[in-house]
Amino acid sequence: MTDRDPVAEGERAARDNSPAEANPYLNGSDEHALWAAGHEKVAGAIEARKSRGR
């Protein structure tokens, strides 16, 4: 059995255009926060590129 990586899952979700509300982890859990951080990292970078016209 492989360990899940919530940060990597959140990053992948953002690249797949899944909304932050799609976080599968229980709100308030460490995993929820890690998933959200990964999602925000990638989603923020995507938005920055869009705003610069790339």
PDB file of N, CA and C in Angstrom:
ATOM      1  N   MET A   1       0.845  -1.182   0.000  1.00  0.00           N
ATOM      2  CA  MET A   1       0.000   0.000   0.000  1.00  0.00           C
ATOM      3  C   MET A   1       0.888   1.243   0.000  1.00  0.00           C
ATOM      4  N   THR A   2       0.564   2.192  -0.853  1.00  0.00           N
ATOM      5  CA  THR A   2       1.355   3.413  -0.932  1.00  0.00           C
ATOM      6  C   THR A   2       0.734   4.492  -0.066  1.00  0.00           C
ATOM      7  N   ASP A   3       1.589   5.328   0.494  1.00  0.00           N
ATOM      8  CA  ASP A   3       1.107   6.456   1.281  1.00  0.00           C
ATOM      9  C   ASP A   3       0.607   7.536   0.344  1.00  0.00           C
ATOM     10  N   ARG A   4      -0.482   8.157   0.714  1.00  0.00           N
ATOM     11  CA  ARG A   4      -1.022   9.258  -0.085  1.00  0.00           C
ATOM     12  C   ARG A   4      -0.266  10.530   0.262  1.00  0.00           C
ATOM     13  N   ASP A   5      -0.084  11.370  -0.725  1.00  0.00           N
ATOM     14  CA  ASP A   5       0.591  12.654  -0.535  1.00  0.00           C
ATOM     15  C   ASP A   5      -0.429  13.757  -0.818  1.00  0.00           C
ATOM     16  N   PRO A   6      -1.053  14.313   0.223  1.00  0.00           N
ATOM     17  CA  PRO A   6      -2.090  15.325   0.009  1.00  0.00           C
ATOM     18  C   PRO A   6      -1.613  16.543  -0.779  1.00  0.00           C
ATOM     19  N   VAL A   7      -0.356  16.947  -0.585  1.00  0.00           N
ATOM     20  CA  VAL A   7       0.162  18.108  -1.325  1.00  0.00           C
ATOM     21  C   VAL A   7       0.188  17.793  -2.815  1.00  0.00           C
ATOM     22  N   ALA A   8       0.741  16.657  -3.180  1.00  0.00           N
ATOM     23  CA  ALA A   8       0.812  16.262  -4.594  1.00  0.00           C
ATOM     24  C   ALA A   8      -0.581  16.092  -5.181  1.00  0.00           C
ATOM     25  N   GLU A   9      -1.515  15.555  -4.390  1.00  0.00           N
ATOM     26  CA  GLU A   9      -2.889  15.398  -4.873  1.00  0.00           C
ATOM     27  C   GLU A   9      -3.532  16.758  -5.136  1.00  0.00           C
ATOM     28  N   GLY A  10      -3.298  17.719  -4.244  1.00  0.00           N
ATOM     29  CA  GLY A  10      -3.837  19.064  -4.440  1.00  0.00           C
ATOM     30  C   GLY A  10      -3.232  19.746  -5.656  1.00  0.00           C
ATOM     31  N   GLU A  11      -1.926  19.561  -5.852  1.00  0.00           N
ATOM     32  CA  GLU A  11      -1.266  20.131  -7.029  1.00  0.00           C
ATOM     33  C   GLU A  11      -1.855  19.535  -8.305  1.00  0.00           C
ATOM     34  N   ARG A  12      -2.019  18.219  -8.302  1.00  0.00           N
ATOM     35  CA  ARG A  12      -2.580  17.533  -9.473  1.00  0.00           C
ATOM     36  C   ARG A  12      -4.008  18.014  -9.753  1.00  0.00           C
ATOM     37  N   ALA A  13      -4.788  18.180  -8.698  1.00  0.00           N
ATOM     38  CA  ALA A  13      -6.163  18.648  -8.860  1.00  0.00           C
ATOM     39  C   ALA A  13      -6.202  20.035  -9.496  1.00  0.00           C
ATOM     40  N   ALA A  14      -5.311  20.914  -9.075  1.00  0.00           N
ATOM     41  CA  ALA A  14      -5.274  22.258  -9.654  1.00  0.00           C
ATOM     42  C   ALA A  14      -4.891  22.201 -11.128  1.00  0.00           C
ATOM     43  N   ARG A  15      -3.918  21.356 -11.466  1.00  0.00           N
ATOM     44  CA  ARG A  15      -3.535  21.217 -12.884  1.00  0.00           C
ATOM     45  C   ARG A  15      -4.673  20.656 -13.720  1.00  0.00           C
ATOM     46  N   ASP A  16      -5.536  19.852 -13.084  1.00  0.00           N
ATOM     47  CA  ASP A  16      -6.689  19.276 -13.775  1.00  0.00           C
ATOM     48  C   ASP A  16      -7.907  20.189 -13.719  1.00  0.00           C
ATOM     49  N   ASN A  17      -7.712  21.418 -13.252  1.00  0.00           N
ATOM     50  CA  ASN A  17      -8.770  22.428 -13.138  1.00  0.00           C
ATOM     51  C   ASN A  17      -9.877  22.052 -12.170  1.00  0.00           C
ATOM     52  N   SER A  18      -9.581  21.237 -11.177  1.00  0.00           N
ATOM     53  CA  SER A  18     -10.561  20.940 -10.135  1.00  0.00           C
ATOM     54  C   SER A  18     -10.602  22.118  -9.170  1.00  0.00           C
ATOM     55  N   PRO A  19     -11.787  22.490  -8.714  1.00  0.00           N
ATOM     56  CA  PRO A  19     -11.878  23.621  -7.784  1.00  0.00           C
ATOM     57  C   PRO A  19     -11.358  23.249  -6.398  1.00  0.00           C
ATOM     58  N   ALA A  20     -10.997  24.243  -5.634  1.00  0.00           N
ATOM     59  CA  ALA A  20     -10.507  24.015  -4.274  1.00  0.00           C
ATOM     60  C   ALA A  20     -11.549  23.295  -3.426  1.00  0.00           C
ATOM     61  N   GLU A  21     -12.814  23.488  -3.744  1.00  0.00           N
ATOM     62  CA  GLU A  21     -13.892  22.842  -3.000  1.00  0.00           C
ATOM     63  C   GLU A  21     -13.907  21.326  -3.200  1.00  0.00           C
ATOM     64  N   ALA A  22     -13.121  20.825  -4.143  1.00  0.00           N
ATOM     65  CA  ALA A  22     -13.064  19.381  -4.410  1.00  0.00           C
ATOM     66  C   ALA A  22     -12.137  18.658  -3.434  1.00  0.00           C
ATOM     67  N   ASN A  23     -11.597  19.371  -2.458  1.00  0.00           N
ATOM     68  CA  ASN A  23     -10.695  18.778  -1.476  1.00  0.00           C
ATOM     69  C   ASN A  23     -11.384  17.576  -0.825  1.00  0.00           C
ATOM     70  N   PRO A  24     -10.798  16.371  -0.964  1.00  0.00           N
ATOM     71  CA  PRO A  24     -11.473  15.164  -0.471  1.00  0.00           C
ATOM     72  C   PRO A  24     -11.274  14.896   1.019  1.00  0.00           C
ATOM     73  N   TYR A  25     -10.446  15.684   1.669  1.00  0.00           N
ATOM     74  CA  TYR A  25     -10.115  15.424   3.069  1.00  0.00           C
ATOM     75  C   TYR A  25     -11.050  16.172   4.009  1.00  0.00           C
ATOM     76  N   LEU A  26     -11.199  15.654   5.202  1.00  0.00           N
ATOM     77  CA  LEU A  26     -12.064  16.232   6.220  1.00  0.00           C
ATOM     78  C   LEU A  26     -11.597  17.645   6.575  1.00  0.00           C
ATOM     79  N   ASN A  27     -12.516  18.596   6.481  1.00  0.00           N
ATOM     80  CA  ASN A  27     -12.200  19.976   6.800  1.00  0.00           C
ATOM     81  C   ASN A  27     -11.646  20.060   8.214  1.00  0.00           C
ATOM     82  N   GLY A  28     -10.539  20.748   8.390  1.00  0.00           N
ATOM     83  CA  GLY A  28      -9.902  20.888   9.683  1.00  0.00           C
ATOM     84  C   GLY A  28      -8.773  19.898   9.920  1.00  0.00           C
ATOM     85  N   SER A  29      -8.648  18.894   9.043  1.00  0.00           N
ATOM     86  CA  SER A  29      -7.580  17.907   9.210  1.00  0.00           C
ATOM     87  C   SER A  29      -6.277  18.424   8.614  1.00  0.00           C
ATOM     88  N   ASP A  30      -5.176  17.839   9.056  1.00  0.00           N
ATOM     89  CA  ASP A  30      -3.869  18.199   8.497  1.00  0.00           C
ATOM     90  C   ASP A  30      -3.842  17.927   7.001  1.00  0.00           C
ATOM     91  N   GLU A  31      -4.429  16.810   6.581  1.00  0.00           N
ATOM     92  CA  GLU A  31      -4.432  16.450   5.159  1.00  0.00           C
ATOM     93  C   GLU A  31      -5.198  17.475   4.336  1.00  0.00           C
ATOM     94  N   HIS A  32      -6.304  17.981   4.905  1.00  0.00           N
ATOM     95  CA  HIS A  32      -7.098  18.998   4.203  1.00  0.00           C
ATOM     96  C   HIS A  32      -6.244  20.240   3.966  1.00  0.00           C
ATOM     97  N   ALA A  33      -5.520  20.654   4.996  1.00  0.00           N
ATOM     98  CA  ALA A  33      -4.662  21.839   4.878  1.00  0.00           C
ATOM     99  C   ALA A  33      -3.529  21.609   3.885  1.00  0.00           C
ATOM    100  N   LEU A  34      -2.943  20.431   3.903  1.00  0.00           N
ATOM    101  CA  LEU A  34      -1.848  20.130   2.967  1.00  0.00           C
ATOM    102  C   LEU A  34      -2.353  20.102   1.529  1.00  0.00           C
ATOM    103  N   TRP A  35      -3.501  19.468   1.308  1.00  0.00           N
ATOM    104  CA  TRP A  35      -4.096  19.409  -0.030  1.00  0.00           C
ATOM    105  C   TRP A  35      -4.362  20.833  -0.524  1.00  0.00           C
ATOM    106  N   ALA A  36      -4.951  21.648   0.349  1.00  0.00           N
ATOM    107  CA  ALA A  36      -5.275  23.030  -0.013  1.00  0.00           C
ATOM    108  C   ALA A  36      -4.011  23.824  -0.355  1.00  0.00           C
ATOM    109  N   ALA A  37      -2.945  23.599   0.400  1.00  0.00           N
ATOM    110  CA  ALA A  37      -1.691  24.308   0.130  1.00  0.00           C
ATOM    111  C   ALA A  37      -1.129  23.913  -1.234  1.00  0.00           C
ATOM    112  N   GLY A  38      -1.167  22.631  -1.550  1.00  0.00           N
ATOM    113  CA  GLY A  38      -0.694  22.182  -2.858  1.00  0.00           C
ATOM    114  C   GLY A  38      -1.545  22.745  -3.979  1.00  0.00           C
ATOM    115  N   HIS A  39      -2.848  22.753  -3.781  1.00  0.00           N
ATOM    116  CA  HIS A  39      -3.768  23.285  -4.792  1.00  0.00           C
ATOM    117  C   HIS A  39      -3.503  24.770  -5.011  1.00  0.00           C
ATOM    118  N   GLU A  40      -3.388  25.519  -3.932  1.00  0.00           N
ATOM    119  CA  GLU A  40      -3.170  26.965  -4.038  1.00  0.00           C
ATOM    120  C   GLU A  40      -1.842  27.288  -4.711  1.00  0.00           C
ATOM    121  N   LYS A  41      -0.825  26.514  -4.409  1.00  0.00           N
ATOM    122  CA  LYS A  41       0.496  26.735  -5.013  1.00  0.00           C
ATOM    123  C   LYS A  41       0.403  26.678  -6.539  1.00  0.00           C
ATOM    124  N   VAL A  42      -0.224  25.630  -7.047  1.00  0.00           N
ATOM    125  CA  VAL A  42      -0.317  25.455  -8.498  1.00  0.00           C
ATOM    126  C   VAL A  42      -1.357  26.399  -9.096  1.00  0.00           C
ATOM    127  N   ALA A  43      -2.520  26.518  -8.451  1.00  0.00           N
ATOM    128  CA  ALA A  43      -3.565  27.401  -8.977  1.00  0.00           C
ATOM    129  C   ALA A  43      -3.070  28.850  -9.035  1.00  0.00           C
ATOM    130  N   GLY A  44      -2.317  29.256  -8.028  1.00  0.00           N
ATOM    131  CA  GLY A  44      -1.768  30.614  -8.022  1.00  0.00           C
ATOM    132  C   GLY A  44      -0.792  30.837  -9.160  1.00  0.00           C
ATOM    133  N   ALA A  45       0.033  29.847  -9.425  1.00  0.00           N
ATOM    134  CA  ALA A  45       0.995  29.951 -10.528  1.00  0.00           C
ATOM    135  C   ALA A  45       0.274  30.004 -11.873  1.00  0.00           C
ATOM    136  N   ILE A  46      -0.779  29.217 -12.013  1.00  0.00           N
ATOM    137  CA  ILE A  46      -1.558  29.211 -13.261  1.00  0.00           C
ATOM    138  C   ILE A  46      -2.204  30.578 -13.462  1.00  0.00           C
ATOM    139  N   GLU A  47      -2.801  31.128 -12.406  1.00  0.00           N
ATOM    140  CA  GLU A  47      -3.426  32.444 -12.500  1.00  0.00           C
ATOM    141  C   GLU A  47      -2.408  33.527 -12.832  1.00  0.00           C
ATOM    142  N   ALA A  48      -1.233  33.445 -12.255  1.00  0.00           N
ATOM    143  CA  ALA A  48      -0.190  34.436 -12.523  1.00  0.00           C
ATOM    144  C   ALA A  48       0.207  34.403 -13.992  1.00  0.00           C
ATOM    145  N   ARG A  49       0.342  33.200 -14.546  1.00  0.00           N
ATOM    146  CA  ARG A  49       0.689  33.092 -15.971  1.00  0.00           C
ATOM    147  C   ARG A  49      -0.420  33.676 -16.839  1.00  0.00           C
ATOM    148  N   LYS A  50      -1.668  33.389 -16.480  1.00  0.00           N
ATOM    149  CA  LYS A  50      -2.799  33.923 -17.250  1.00  0.00           C
ATOM    150  C   LYS A  50      -2.809  35.442 -17.218  1.00  0.00           C
ATOM    151  N   SER A  51      -2.542  36.020 -16.044  1.00  0.00           N
ATOM    152  CA  SER A  51      -2.593  37.481 -15.923  1.00  0.00           C
ATOM    153  C   SER A  51      -1.454  38.145 -16.690  1.00  0.00           C
ATOM    154  N   ARG A  52      -0.384  37.402 -16.919  1.00  0.00           N
ATOM    155  CA  ARG A  52       0.718  37.940 -17.718  1.00  0.00           C
ATOM    156  C   ARG A  52       0.544  37.619 -19.203  1.00  0.00           C
ATOM    157  N   GLY A  53      -0.563  36.967 -19.532  1.00  0.00           N
ATOM    158  CA  GLY A  53      -0.855  36.677 -20.931  1.00  0.00           C
ATOM    159  C   GLY A  53      -0.134  35.473 -21.479  1.00  0.00           C
ATOM    160  N   ARG A  54       0.264  34.540 -20.626  1.00  0.00           N
ATOM    161  CA  ARG A  54       0.988  33.360 -21.101  1.00  0.00           C
ATOM    162  C   ARG A  54       0.130  32.146 -21.073  1.00  0.00           C
TER     163      ARG A  54
END
